[in-house]
Amino acid sequence: MGKKNVTFDDIAKYTNFSKTTISRYFNNPDSLTLENQQIIADALEALNYKENKVARILANGKTEFVGIIVPDLYMHYYAHMLSEILATYKQFGYKFLVFEGSQDKAVEQQYIQELLAYKIEGLIVLSHTIPSKELASCNLPVVTIEREDQYTCSVNTDNYMGAVQATSLLCKNNCDILFHLNQQVSRTTPGYKRIQGFLDTCREHDWPHRLILTAFGKTYRENEKRIGEILQELEEDYKGKKKGIFVSNDTHANILLNLIIRKYGRLPEEYRIVGFDDSPIASSAIVPISTVGQQIGTIAGQAMELLVAQMNERKKRKPVPLKEPIHQVVTPVLKRRGTTD
């Protein structure tokens, strides 16, 4: 065919099918027999057919775009999760429009309106700003990750199990007192179960413990300043005691580790640290950080599978909506590294 654009009419003549049949192949392939689907697929290859994406969008209204809203890209967990979601293009063929959250509800509502204007087919939300009930009212498939999810489908880590693993590991390191360092977390979010798992495990075994909930700030410098203040407080109040610190994420665990090493030139026996996420910063730290692995690639893959299943259902002539949201939970994997024995 040389450089000539191949049309439906060309494909129809090549296969002896009608143009209506060719159109059905692109827009509703399940309406054709597998044999006829293969005949058309072979013709597309023989004719060196290059699909006109714009024309297809105009014809059927399907953009093959998915929207994503992440809280920020400063925390290594979110950057890693976003990377894994984007990598699913090879498997599912969907492209992505990404917004970084602002913690301002009105702004993030504007983000969603912008995404809807681009005719996205589905939405993945990690930001905590907009309630799941409002997300569910957008009239398109939504999957959330590690946030409040009463009205939306979701994929989350078993945060409670992860907290039990982290707390138990610190106890096995013969720590005199255990700490959990976290921010104020709503009880409706999956992350609250890290707090609950820590408290339940300590109380069950009567281990001395302290829960530290605080605001860390939005920048690295603010995080470092606040964690430095907490470290100084622990050194003054628990001098000579072996301190086991379960930190709610690897980014903050790495900051804590760096502050300790700057002071002592090493990680002294007085400190043992476990993070949460298993983001790359944990394994690449100056002393590799023990952490609770969230299996981020698995979560991203399952989130897309769940979203694609909903999007495909909506494309059927008689779609069957979900009776209730689906909530999938992924088992964490404890990673023992240099910050524990």
C-alpha atoms as a PDB file:
ATOM      1  CA  MET A   1       0.000   0.000   0.000  1.00  0.00           C
ATOM      2  CA  GLY A   2       3.084   2.266   0.057  1.00  0.00           C
ATOM      3  CA  LYS A   3       2.593   5.392   2.175  1.00  0.00           C
ATOM      4  CA  LYS A   4      -1.151   5.552   1.564  1.00  0.00           C
ATOM      5  CA  ASN A   5      -3.258   5.534   4.713  1.00  0.00           C
ATOM      6  CA  VAL A   6      -5.143   2.252   4.942  1.00  0.00           C
ATOM      7  CA  THR A   7      -8.888   2.762   5.409  1.00  0.00           C
ATOM      8  CA  PHE A   8     -11.736   0.517   6.568  1.00  0.00           C
ATOM      9  CA  ASP A   9     -12.751   0.331   2.908  1.00  0.00           C
ATOM     10  CA  ASP A  10      -9.304  -1.088   2.007  1.00  0.00           C
ATOM     11  CA  ILE A  11      -9.553  -3.687   4.767  1.00  0.00           C
ATOM     12  CA  ALA A  12     -13.086  -4.623   3.712  1.00  0.00           C
ATOM     13  CA  LYS A  13     -11.997  -5.179   0.100  1.00  0.00           C
ATOM     14  CA  TYR A  14      -8.977  -7.232   1.197  1.00  0.00           C
ATOM     15  CA  THR A  15     -11.045  -9.512   3.447  1.00  0.00           C
ATOM     16  CA  ASN A  16     -14.323  -9.498   1.476  1.00  0.00           C
ATOM     17  CA  PHE A  17     -16.089  -8.351   4.637  1.00  0.00           C
ATOM     18  CA  SER A  18     -18.381  -5.327   4.894  1.00  0.00           C
ATOM     19  CA  LYS A  19     -17.131  -2.076   6.403  1.00  0.00           C
ATOM     20  CA  THR A  20     -19.668  -2.644   9.191  1.00  0.00           C
ATOM     21  CA  THR A  21     -17.918  -5.905  10.065  1.00  0.00           C
ATOM     22  CA  ILE A  22     -14.540  -4.176  10.091  1.00  0.00           C
ATOM     23  CA  SER A  23     -15.934  -1.474  12.376  1.00  0.00           C
ATOM     24  CA  ARG A  24     -17.272  -4.162  14.730  1.00  0.00           C
ATOM     25  CA  TYR A  25     -13.789  -5.689  14.886  1.00  0.00           C
ATOM     26  CA  PHE A  26     -12.387  -2.447  16.298  1.00  0.00           C
ATOM     27  CA  ASN A  27     -15.299  -1.435  18.524  1.00  0.00           C
ATOM     28  CA  ASN A  28     -16.892  -4.721  19.597  1.00  0.00           C
ATOM     29  CA  PRO A  29     -14.606  -7.635  18.598  1.00  0.00           C
ATOM     30  CA  ASP A  30     -16.505 -10.147  20.738  1.00  0.00           C
ATOM     31  CA  SER A  31     -19.432  -9.829  18.321  1.00  0.00           C
ATOM     32  CA  LEU A  32     -17.309 -11.612  15.667  1.00  0.00           C
ATOM     33  CA  THR A  33     -16.225 -15.214  15.563  1.00  0.00           C
ATOM     34  CA  LEU A  34     -12.638 -15.951  16.508  1.00  0.00           C
ATOM     35  CA  GLU A  35     -12.024 -17.094  12.929  1.00  0.00           C
ATOM     36  CA  ASN A  36     -13.197 -13.781  11.475  1.00  0.00           C
ATOM     37  CA  GLN A  37     -11.227 -11.845  14.067  1.00  0.00           C
ATOM     38  CA  GLN A  38      -8.084 -13.674  12.967  1.00  0.00           C
ATOM     39  CA  ILE A  39      -8.793 -13.020   9.268  1.00  0.00           C
ATOM     40  CA  ILE A  40      -9.062  -9.284   9.940  1.00  0.00           C
ATOM     41  CA  ALA A  41      -5.989  -9.280  12.211  1.00  0.00           C
ATOM     42  CA  ASP A  42      -3.960 -10.979   9.447  1.00  0.00           C
ATOM     43  CA  ALA A  43      -5.209  -8.398   6.949  1.00  0.00           C
ATOM     44  CA  LEU A  44      -4.151  -5.509   9.180  1.00  0.00           C
ATOM     45  CA  GLU A  45      -0.648  -6.929   9.333  1.00  0.00           C
ATOM     46  CA  ALA A  46      -0.497  -7.563   5.582  1.00  0.00           C
ATOM     47  CA  LEU A  47      -1.709  -4.046   4.798  1.00  0.00           C
ATOM     48  CA  ASN A  48       0.613  -2.471   7.411  1.00  0.00           C
ATOM     49  CA  TYR A  49      -2.392  -0.784   8.986  1.00  0.00           C
ATOM     50  CA  LYS A  50      -1.655   2.106  11.376  1.00  0.00           C
ATOM     51  CA  GLU A  51      -4.606   2.944  13.580  1.00  0.00           C
ATOM     52  CA  ASN A  52      -5.809   6.546  13.645  1.00  0.00           C
ATOM     53  CA  LYS A  53      -6.300   7.020  17.387  1.00  0.00           C
ATOM     54  CA  VAL A  54      -8.030  10.386  17.047  1.00  0.00           C
ATOM     55  CA  ALA A  55     -10.553   9.002  14.576  1.00  0.00           C
ATOM     56  CA  ARG A  56     -11.268   6.059  16.828  1.00  0.00           C
ATOM     57  CA  ILE A  57     -11.853   8.309  19.845  1.00  0.00           C
ATOM     58  CA  LEU A  58     -14.257  10.448  17.821  1.00  0.00           C
ATOM     59  CA  ALA A  59     -16.055   7.328  16.589  1.00  0.00           C
ATOM     60  CA  ASN A  60     -16.600   5.491  19.874  1.00  0.00           C
ATOM     61  CA  GLY A  61     -15.782   8.017  22.597  1.00  0.00           C
ATOM     62  CA  LYS A  62     -13.201   5.697  24.191  1.00  0.00           C
ATOM     63  CA  THR A  63      -9.916   7.473  24.875  1.00  0.00           C
ATOM     64  CA  GLU A  64      -7.994   4.637  26.584  1.00  0.00           C
ATOM     65  CA  PHE A  65      -6.902   7.203  29.185  1.00  0.00           C
ATOM     66  CA  VAL A  66      -6.866   6.641  32.943  1.00  0.00           C
ATOM     67  CA  GLY A  67      -6.518   9.492  35.429  1.00  0.00           C
ATOM     68  CA  ILE A  68      -4.257   9.293  38.478  1.00  0.00           C
ATOM     69  CA  ILE A  69      -4.130  11.593  41.510  1.00  0.00           C
ATOM     70  CA  VAL A  70      -1.200  11.091  43.905  1.00  0.00           C
ATOM     71  CA  PRO A  71      -0.725  13.125  47.117  1.00  0.00           C
ATOM     72  CA  ASP A  72       2.882  14.064  46.291  1.00  0.00           C
ATOM     73  CA  LEU A  73       6.048  12.762  44.666  1.00  0.00           C
ATOM     74  CA  TYR A  74       8.314  13.671  47.576  1.00  0.00           C
ATOM     75  CA  MET A  75       7.477  10.488  49.484  1.00  0.00           C
ATOM     76  CA  HIS A  76       9.316   7.631  47.817  1.00  0.00           C
ATOM     77  CA  TYR A  77       6.320   5.316  48.197  1.00  0.00           C
ATOM     78  CA  TYR A  78       4.126   7.462  45.928  1.00  0.00           C
ATOM     79  CA  ALA A  79       6.839   7.924  43.318  1.00  0.00           C
ATOM     80  CA  HIS A  80       7.460   4.179  43.243  1.00  0.00           C
ATOM     81  CA  MET A  81       3.741   3.368  43.071  1.00  0.00           C
ATOM     82  CA  LEU A  82       3.228   5.823  40.210  1.00  0.00           C
ATOM     83  CA  SER A  83       6.125   4.275  38.300  1.00  0.00           C
ATOM     84  CA  GLU A  84       4.632   0.796  38.722  1.00  0.00           C
ATOM     85  CA  ILE A  85       1.181   1.935  37.593  1.00  0.00           C
ATOM     86  CA  LEU A  86       2.623   3.593  34.486  1.00  0.00           C
ATOM     87  CA  ALA A  87       4.484   0.364  33.702  1.00  0.00           C
ATOM     88  CA  THR A  88       1.158  -1.474  33.302  1.00  0.00           C
ATOM     89  CA  TYR A  89       0.791   0.152  29.866  1.00  0.00           C
ATOM     90  CA  LYS A  90       2.589  -2.846  28.382  1.00  0.00           C
ATOM     91  CA  GLN A  91      -0.057  -5.194  29.752  1.00  0.00           C
ATOM     92  CA  PHE A  92      -3.265  -3.203  29.430  1.00  0.00           C
ATOM     93  CA  GLY A  93      -2.550  -0.531  26.792  1.00  0.00           C
ATOM     94  CA  TYR A  94      -4.028   2.336  28.814  1.00  0.00           C
ATOM     95  CA  LYS A  95      -2.319   5.731  28.920  1.00  0.00           C
ATOM     96  CA  PHE A  96      -2.307   7.996  31.955  1.00  0.00           C
ATOM     97  CA  LEU A  97      -2.998  11.599  32.892  1.00  0.00           C
ATOM     98  CA  VAL A  98      -1.399  12.388  36.266  1.00  0.00           C
ATOM     99  CA  PHE A  99      -2.077  15.141  38.797  1.00  0.00           C
ATOM    100  CA  GLU A 100      -0.092  15.713  41.989  1.00  0.00           C
ATOM    101  CA  GLY A 101      -2.418  16.423  44.916  1.00  0.00           C
ATOM    102  CA  SER A 102      -2.492  19.747  46.740  1.00  0.00           C
ATOM    103  CA  GLN A 103      -4.307  18.844  50.006  1.00  0.00           C
ATOM    104  CA  ASP A 104      -6.830  21.453  48.871  1.00  0.00           C
ATOM    105  CA  LYS A 105     -10.202  19.857  48.189  1.00  0.00           C
ATOM    106  CA  ALA A 106     -11.374  22.562  45.777  1.00  0.00           C
ATOM    107  CA  VAL A 107      -8.182  22.247  43.718  1.00  0.00           C
ATOM    108  CA  GLU A 108      -8.387  18.464  43.544  1.00  0.00           C
ATOM    109  CA  GLN A 109     -12.053  18.678  42.557  1.00  0.00           C
ATOM    110  CA  GLN A 110     -10.871  20.882  39.698  1.00  0.00           C
ATOM    111  CA  TYR A 111      -8.333  18.196  38.781  1.00  0.00           C
ATOM    112  CA  ILE A 112     -11.130  15.646  38.515  1.00  0.00           C
ATOM    113  CA  GLN A 113     -13.243  17.940  36.348  1.00  0.00           C
ATOM    114  CA  GLU A 114     -10.232  18.438  34.078  1.00  0.00           C
ATOM    115  CA  LEU A 115      -9.724  14.675  33.828  1.00  0.00           C
ATOM    116  CA  LEU A 116     -13.413  14.116  33.063  1.00  0.00           C
ATOM    117  CA  ALA A 117     -13.188  16.749  30.321  1.00  0.00           C
ATOM    118  CA  TYR A 118     -10.478  14.601  28.708  1.00  0.00           C
ATOM    119  CA  LYS A 119     -12.940  11.671  28.738  1.00  0.00           C
ATOM    120  CA  ILE A 120     -10.874   9.406  30.953  1.00  0.00           C
ATOM    121  CA  GLU A 121     -12.311   5.897  31.223  1.00  0.00           C
ATOM    122  CA  GLY A 122     -11.228   5.275  34.821  1.00  0.00           C
ATOM    123  CA  LEU A 123      -9.549   6.876  37.817  1.00  0.00           C
ATOM    124  CA  ILE A 124      -6.918   5.732  40.344  1.00  0.00           C
ATOM    125  CA  VAL A 125      -6.688   7.863  43.494  1.00  0.00           C
ATOM    126  CA  LEU A 126      -4.030   7.770  46.220  1.00  0.00           C
ATOM    127  CA  SER A 127      -4.702  11.278  47.510  1.00  0.00           C
ATOM    128  CA  HIS A 128      -6.739  11.444  50.741  1.00  0.00           C
ATOM    129  CA  THR A 129      -8.411  14.803  50.131  1.00  0.00           C
ATOM    130  CA  ILE A 130     -11.699  13.881  48.442  1.00  0.00           C
ATOM    131  CA  PRO A 131     -14.021  11.414  50.259  1.00  0.00           C
ATOM    132  CA  SER A 132     -14.713   8.107  48.532  1.00  0.00           C
ATOM    133  CA  LYS A 133     -18.438   8.868  48.402  1.00  0.00           C
ATOM    134  CA  GLU A 134     -17.725  11.902  46.220  1.00  0.00           C
ATOM    135  CA  LEU A 135     -15.296   9.928  44.044  1.00  0.00           C
ATOM    136  CA  ALA A 136     -17.945   7.242  43.530  1.00  0.00           C
ATOM    137  CA  SER A 137     -20.357   9.902  42.248  1.00  0.00           C
ATOM    138  CA  CYS A 138     -18.101  10.686  39.254  1.00  0.00           C
ATOM    139  CA  ASN A 139     -19.938   8.053  37.197  1.00  0.00           C
ATOM    140  CA  LEU A 140     -16.843   6.176  36.079  1.00  0.00           C
ATOM    141  CA  PRO A 141     -14.785   3.282  37.484  1.00  0.00           C
ATOM    142  CA  VAL A 142     -12.608   4.314  40.428  1.00  0.00           C
ATOM    143  CA  VAL A 143      -9.972   2.354  42.353  1.00  0.00           C
ATOM    144  CA  THR A 144      -8.254   3.795  45.399  1.00  0.00           C
ATOM    145  CA  ILE A 145      -4.966   2.747  47.012  1.00  0.00           C
ATOM    146  CA  GLU A 146      -4.125   3.139  50.724  1.00  0.00           C
ATOM    147  CA  ARG A 147      -6.824   5.655  51.591  1.00  0.00           C
ATOM    148  CA  GLU A 148     -10.431   5.763  52.851  1.00  0.00           C
ATOM    149  CA  ASP A 149     -12.431   3.488  50.552  1.00  0.00           C
ATOM    150  CA  GLN A 150     -15.962   2.894  51.871  1.00  0.00           C
ATOM    151  CA  TYR A 151     -17.629   3.698  48.536  1.00  0.00           C
ATOM    152  CA  THR A 152     -14.895   2.794  46.033  1.00  0.00           C
ATOM    153  CA  CYS A 153     -13.065  -0.337  45.004  1.00  0.00           C
ATOM    154  CA  SER A 154      -9.586  -0.476  46.502  1.00  0.00           C
ATOM    155  CA  VAL A 155      -6.295  -2.327  46.792  1.00  0.00           C
ATOM    156  CA  ASN A 156      -4.424  -1.988  50.083  1.00  0.00           C
ATOM    157  CA  THR A 157      -1.633  -3.615  52.030  1.00  0.00           C
ATOM    158  CA  ASP A 158      -2.505  -5.619  55.128  1.00  0.00           C
ATOM    159  CA  ASN A 159      -1.226  -2.772  57.296  1.00  0.00           C
ATOM    160  CA  TYR A 160      -2.127  -4.470  60.563  1.00  0.00           C
ATOM    161  CA  MET A 161      -0.081  -7.558  59.728  1.00  0.00           C
ATOM    162  CA  GLY A 162       2.821  -5.351  58.626  1.00  0.00           C
ATOM    163  CA  ALA A 163       2.772  -3.471  61.920  1.00  0.00           C
ATOM    164  CA  VAL A 164       2.768  -6.734  63.873  1.00  0.00           C
ATOM    165  CA  GLN A 165       5.769  -7.944  61.841  1.00  0.00           C
ATOM    166  CA  ALA A 166       7.716  -4.711  62.401  1.00  0.00           C
ATOM    167  CA  THR A 167       6.947  -4.511  66.123  1.00  0.00           C
ATOM    168  CA  SER A 168       7.789  -8.169  66.712  1.00  0.00           C
ATOM    169  CA  LEU A 169      11.121  -7.813  64.902  1.00  0.00           C
ATOM    170  CA  LEU A 170      12.121  -4.913  67.148  1.00  0.00           C
ATOM    171  CA  CYS A 171      11.196  -6.914  70.216  1.00  0.00           C
ATOM    172  CA  LYS A 172      13.346  -9.818  69.011  1.00  0.00           C
ATOM    173  CA  ASN A 173      16.220  -7.318  68.863  1.00  0.00           C
ATOM    174  CA  ASN A 174      15.962  -7.100  72.670  1.00  0.00           C
ATOM    175  CA  CYS A 175      14.975  -3.439  72.709  1.00  0.00           C
ATOM    176  CA  ASP A 176      14.180  -1.941  76.110  1.00  0.00           C
ATOM    177  CA  ILE A 177      11.374   0.218  74.756  1.00  0.00           C
ATOM    178  CA  LEU A 178       9.531   0.372  71.425  1.00  0.00           C
ATOM    179  CA  PHE A 179       8.325   3.475  69.584  1.00  0.00           C
ATOM    180  CA  HIS A 180       6.009   4.005  66.648  1.00  0.00           C
ATOM    181  CA  LEU A 181       6.568   7.255  64.768  1.00  0.00           C
ATOM    182  CA  ASN A 182       3.614   8.354  62.606  1.00  0.00           C
ATOM    183  CA  GLN A 183       1.433  11.305  61.714  1.00  0.00           C
ATOM    184  CA  GLN A 184      -2.150  11.809  62.855  1.00  0.00           C
ATOM    185  CA  VAL A 185      -4.104   9.252  60.816  1.00  0.00           C
ATOM    186  CA  SER A 186      -7.872   8.942  60.457  1.00  0.00           C
ATOM    187  CA  ARG A 187      -9.330   5.666  61.717  1.00  0.00           C
ATOM    188  CA  THR A 188     -11.089   5.256  58.352  1.00  0.00           C
ATOM    189  CA  THR A 189      -7.823   4.947  56.417  1.00  0.00           C
ATOM    190  CA  PRO A 190      -5.919   1.664  55.973  1.00  0.00           C
ATOM    191  CA  GLY A 191      -2.778   3.309  57.394  1.00  0.00           C
ATOM    192  CA  TYR A 192      -4.396   3.616  60.833  1.00  0.00           C
ATOM    193  CA  LYS A 193      -3.998  -0.149  61.191  1.00  0.00           C
ATOM    194  CA  ARG A 194      -0.222   0.376  61.449  1.00  0.00           C
ATOM    195  CA  ILE A 195      -0.880   2.271  64.665  1.00  0.00           C
ATOM    196  CA  GLN A 196      -3.378  -0.304  65.886  1.00  0.00           C
ATOM    197  CA  GLY A 197      -1.107  -3.237  65.071  1.00  0.00           C
ATOM    198  CA  PHE A 198       1.773  -1.636  66.968  1.00  0.00           C
ATOM    199  CA  LEU A 199      -0.334  -0.895  70.049  1.00  0.00           C
ATOM    200  CA  ASP A 200      -2.060  -4.291  70.117  1.00  0.00           C
ATOM    201  CA  THR A 201       1.225  -6.188  69.782  1.00  0.00           C
ATOM    202  CA  CYS A 202       2.943  -4.199  72.529  1.00  0.00           C
ATOM    203  CA  ARG A 203      -0.008  -4.524  74.884  1.00  0.00           C
ATOM    204  CA  GLU A 204      -0.473  -8.233  74.205  1.00  0.00           C
ATOM    205  CA  HIS A 205       3.128  -8.957  75.203  1.00  0.00           C
ATOM    206  CA  ASP A 206       3.361  -6.218  77.839  1.00  0.00           C
ATOM    207  CA  TRP A 207       6.288  -4.546  76.043  1.00  0.00           C
ATOM    208  CA  PRO A 208       7.187  -0.983  77.126  1.00  0.00           C
ATOM    209  CA  HIS A 209       6.178   1.320  74.284  1.00  0.00           C
ATOM    210  CA  ARG A 210       5.315   4.835  73.243  1.00  0.00           C
ATOM    211  CA  LEU A 211       3.254   6.107  70.317  1.00  0.00           C
ATOM    212  CA  ILE A 212       4.468   9.388  68.793  1.00  0.00           C
ATOM    213  CA  LEU A 213       1.960  11.059  66.462  1.00  0.00           C
ATOM    214  CA  THR A 214       3.075  14.370  64.985  1.00  0.00           C
ATOM    215  CA  ALA A 215       2.976  16.664  61.965  1.00  0.00           C
ATOM    216  CA  PHE A 216       6.155  16.376  59.906  1.00  0.00           C
ATOM    217  CA  GLY A 217       5.652  19.185  57.406  1.00  0.00           C
ATOM    218  CA  LYS A 218       5.564  19.070  53.623  1.00  0.00           C
ATOM    219  CA  THR A 219       9.238  19.410  52.652  1.00  0.00           C
ATOM    220  CA  TYR A 220      12.426  17.473  53.318  1.00  0.00           C
ATOM    221  CA  ARG A 221      13.785  20.251  55.536  1.00  0.00           C
ATOM    222  CA  GLU A 222      10.601  20.390  57.595  1.00  0.00           C
ATOM    223  CA  ASN A 223      10.635  16.592  57.944  1.00  0.00           C
ATOM    224  CA  GLU A 224      14.281  16.580  58.953  1.00  0.00           C
ATOM    225  CA  LYS A 225      13.764  19.329  61.527  1.00  0.00           C
ATOM    226  CA  ARG A 226      10.820  17.567  63.187  1.00  0.00           C
ATOM    227  CA  ILE A 227      12.454  14.138  63.217  1.00  0.00           C
ATOM    228  CA  GLY A 228      15.612  15.724  64.621  1.00  0.00           C
ATOM    229  CA  GLU A 229      13.569  17.186  67.475  1.00  0.00           C
ATOM    230  CA  ILE A 230      12.050  13.789  68.208  1.00  0.00           C
ATOM    231  CA  LEU A 231      15.472  12.125  68.160  1.00  0.00           C
ATOM    232  CA  GLN A 232      16.831  14.655  70.644  1.00  0.00           C
ATOM    233  CA  GLU A 233      13.846  14.045  72.913  1.00  0.00           C
ATOM    234  CA  LEU A 234      14.389  10.273  72.813  1.00  0.00           C
ATOM    235  CA  GLU A 235      18.074  10.685  73.636  1.00  0.00           C
ATOM    236  CA  GLU A 236      17.289  12.865  76.639  1.00  0.00           C
ATOM    237  CA  ASP A 237      14.359  10.861  78.001  1.00  0.00           C
ATOM    238  CA  TYR A 238      15.605   7.323  77.301  1.00  0.00           C
ATOM    239  CA  LYS A 239      19.365   7.646  77.677  1.00  0.00           C
ATOM    240  CA  GLY A 240      21.111   4.293  77.950  1.00  0.00           C
ATOM    241  CA  LYS A 241      18.045   2.329  76.823  1.00  0.00           C
ATOM    242  CA  LYS A 242      18.004   0.299  73.624  1.00  0.00           C
ATOM    243  CA  LYS A 243      15.350   1.949  71.489  1.00  0.00           C
ATOM    244  CA  GLY A 244      13.398   0.118  68.776  1.00  0.00           C
ATOM    245  CA  ILE A 245      11.732   2.585  66.412  1.00  0.00           C
ATOM    246  CA  PHE A 246       9.014   1.526  63.959  1.00  0.00           C
ATOM    247  CA  VAL A 247       8.651   4.385  61.453  1.00  0.00           C
ATOM    248  CA  SER A 248       5.520   4.614  59.318  1.00  0.00           C
ATOM    249  CA  ASN A 249       7.384   5.009  55.990  1.00  0.00           C
ATOM    250  CA  ASP A 250      10.846   4.516  54.528  1.00  0.00           C
ATOM    251  CA  THR A 251      11.363   8.195  53.688  1.00  0.00           C
ATOM    252  CA  HIS A 252      11.146   9.199  57.355  1.00  0.00           C
ATOM    253  CA  ALA A 253      13.048   6.092  58.463  1.00  0.00           C
ATOM    254  CA  ASN A 254      15.912   7.136  56.181  1.00  0.00           C
ATOM    255  CA  ILE A 255      15.918  10.678  57.585  1.00  0.00           C
ATOM    256  CA  LEU A 256      16.065   9.264  61.120  1.00  0.00           C
ATOM    257  CA  LEU A 257      18.904   6.935  60.167  1.00  0.00           C
ATOM    258  CA  ASN A 258      20.894   9.766  58.553  1.00  0.00           C
ATOM    259  CA  LEU A 259      20.532  11.955  61.643  1.00  0.00           C
ATOM    260  CA  ILE A 260      21.787   9.155  63.914  1.00  0.00           C
ATOM    261  CA  ILE A 261      24.770   8.378  61.668  1.00  0.00           C
ATOM    262  CA  ARG A 262      25.709  12.062  61.406  1.00  0.00           C
ATOM    263  CA  LYS A 263      25.884  12.194  65.185  1.00  0.00           C
ATOM    264  CA  TYR A 264      27.644   8.878  65.857  1.00  0.00           C
ATOM    265  CA  GLY A 265      29.337   8.041  62.551  1.00  0.00           C
ATOM    266  CA  ARG A 266      27.547   4.679  62.647  1.00  0.00           C
ATOM    267  CA  LEU A 267      24.312   3.049  63.794  1.00  0.00           C
ATOM    268  CA  PRO A 268      24.942   2.347  67.498  1.00  0.00           C
ATOM    269  CA  GLU A 269      23.567  -0.649  69.372  1.00  0.00           C
ATOM    270  CA  GLU A 270      21.284   1.753  71.191  1.00  0.00           C
ATOM    271  CA  TYR A 271      19.070   2.093  68.092  1.00  0.00           C
ATOM    272  CA  ARG A 272      17.133  -0.359  65.937  1.00  0.00           C
ATOM    273  CA  ILE A 273      14.911   0.884  63.092  1.00  0.00           C
ATOM    274  CA  VAL A 274      12.168  -0.640  60.922  1.00  0.00           C
ATOM    275  CA  GLY A 275      10.455   1.328  58.147  1.00  0.00           C
ATOM    276  CA  PHE A 276       7.408   0.616  56.007  1.00  0.00           C
ATOM    277  CA  ASP A 277       6.969   0.429  52.199  1.00  0.00           C
ATOM    278  CA  ASP A 278      10.165  -1.191  50.865  1.00  0.00           C
ATOM    279  CA  SER A 279      10.664   1.738  48.526  1.00  0.00           C
ATOM    280  CA  PRO A 280      14.127   1.895  46.858  1.00  0.00           C
ATOM    281  CA  ILE A 281      15.453   4.362  49.445  1.00  0.00           C
ATOM    282  CA  ALA A 282      15.321   1.607  52.098  1.00  0.00           C
ATOM    283  CA  SER A 283      17.609  -0.835  50.301  1.00  0.00           C
ATOM    284  CA  SER A 284      19.987   1.894  49.054  1.00  0.00           C
ATOM    285  CA  ALA A 285      20.405   3.686  52.418  1.00  0.00           C
ATOM    286  CA  ILE A 286      23.899   3.991  53.885  1.00  0.00           C
ATOM    287  CA  VAL A 287      22.811   1.202  56.251  1.00  0.00           C
ATOM    288  CA  PRO A 288      20.087  -0.750  54.415  1.00  0.00           C
ATOM    289  CA  ILE A 289      16.856  -0.292  56.345  1.00  0.00           C
ATOM    290  CA  SER A 290      14.739  -3.181  57.604  1.00  0.00           C
ATOM    291  CA  THR A 291      11.206  -2.539  56.391  1.00  0.00           C
ATOM    292  CA  VAL A 292       7.766  -3.958  55.768  1.00  0.00           C
ATOM    293  CA  GLY A 293       7.524  -4.560  52.036  1.00  0.00           C
ATOM    294  CA  GLN A 294       4.225  -3.455  50.541  1.00  0.00           C
ATOM    295  CA  GLN A 295       4.756  -5.356  47.265  1.00  0.00           C
ATOM    296  CA  ILE A 296       4.163  -2.104  45.403  1.00  0.00           C
ATOM    297  CA  GLY A 297       4.326  -3.716  41.958  1.00  0.00           C
ATOM    298  CA  THR A 298       1.664  -6.225  42.958  1.00  0.00           C
ATOM    299  CA  ILE A 299      -0.614  -3.502  44.327  1.00  0.00           C
ATOM    300  CA  ALA A 300      -0.254  -1.426  41.146  1.00  0.00           C
ATOM    301  CA  GLY A 301      -0.977  -4.437  38.958  1.00  0.00           C
ATOM    302  CA  GLN A 302      -4.036  -5.487  40.957  1.00  0.00           C
ATOM    303  CA  ALA A 303      -5.363  -1.910  40.977  1.00  0.00           C
ATOM    304  CA  MET A 304      -5.176  -1.765  37.187  1.00  0.00           C
ATOM    305  CA  GLU A 305      -6.713  -5.235  36.804  1.00  0.00           C
ATOM    306  CA  LEU A 306      -9.609  -4.200  39.024  1.00  0.00           C
ATOM    307  CA  LEU A 307     -10.053  -0.931  37.123  1.00  0.00           C
ATOM    308  CA  VAL A 308      -9.822  -2.553  33.677  1.00  0.00           C
ATOM    309  CA  ALA A 309     -12.423  -5.156  34.649  1.00  0.00           C
ATOM    310  CA  GLN A 310     -14.842  -2.349  35.532  1.00  0.00           C
ATOM    311  CA  MET A 311     -14.043  -0.375  32.374  1.00  0.00           C
ATOM    312  CA  ASN A 312     -14.539  -3.450  30.181  1.00  0.00           C
ATOM    313  CA  GLU A 313     -17.877  -4.168  31.855  1.00  0.00           C
ATOM    314  CA  ARG A 314     -19.099  -0.666  31.004  1.00  0.00           C
ATOM    315  CA  LYS A 315     -18.331  -1.294  27.323  1.00  0.00           C
ATOM    316  CA  LYS A 316     -20.806  -4.176  27.120  1.00  0.00           C
ATOM    317  CA  ARG A 317     -24.263  -3.679  25.660  1.00  0.00           C
ATOM    318  CA  LYS A 318     -25.847  -4.605  28.989  1.00  0.00           C
ATOM    319  CA  PRO A 319     -23.253  -3.858  31.675  1.00  0.00           C
ATOM    320  CA  VAL A 320     -23.789  -5.283  35.143  1.00  0.00           C
ATOM    321  CA  PRO A 321     -22.693  -2.765  37.801  1.00  0.00           C
ATOM    322  CA  LEU A 322     -20.994  -3.934  40.976  1.00  0.00           C
ATOM    323  CA  LYS A 323     -23.405  -4.525  43.850  1.00  0.00           C
ATOM    324  CA  GLU A 324     -20.773  -3.275  46.293  1.00  0.00           C
ATOM    325  CA  PRO A 325     -17.139  -2.139  46.136  1.00  0.00           C
ATOM    326  CA  ILE A 326     -14.399  -4.752  45.911  1.00  0.00           C
ATOM    327  CA  HIS A 327     -11.605  -4.404  48.470  1.00  0.00           C
ATOM    328  CA  GLN A 328      -8.436  -6.395  47.825  1.00  0.00           C
ATOM    329  CA  VAL A 329      -5.711  -6.797  50.441  1.00  0.00           C
ATOM    330  CA  VAL A 330      -2.082  -7.644  49.639  1.00  0.00           C
ATOM    331  CA  THR A 331       0.082  -9.467  52.184  1.00  0.00           C
ATOM    332  CA  PRO A 332       3.221  -7.553  53.256  1.00  0.00           C
ATOM    333  CA  VAL A 333       6.684  -9.112  53.310  1.00  0.00           C
ATOM    334  CA  LEU A 334       9.108  -8.263  56.106  1.00  0.00           C
ATOM    335  CA  LYS A 335      12.590  -7.318  54.851  1.00  0.00           C
ATOM    336  CA  ARG A 336      15.361  -7.789  57.435  1.00  0.00           C
ATOM    337  CA  ARG A 337      18.356  -5.565  56.722  1.00  0.00           C
ATOM    338  CA  GLY A 338      21.148  -3.707  58.484  1.00  0.00           C
ATOM    339  CA  THR A 339      19.115  -1.610  60.919  1.00  0.00           C
ATOM    340  CA  THR A 340      18.056  -4.702  62.871  1.00  0.00           C
ATOM    341  CA  ASP A 341      19.912  -7.839  63.931  1.00  0.00           C
END
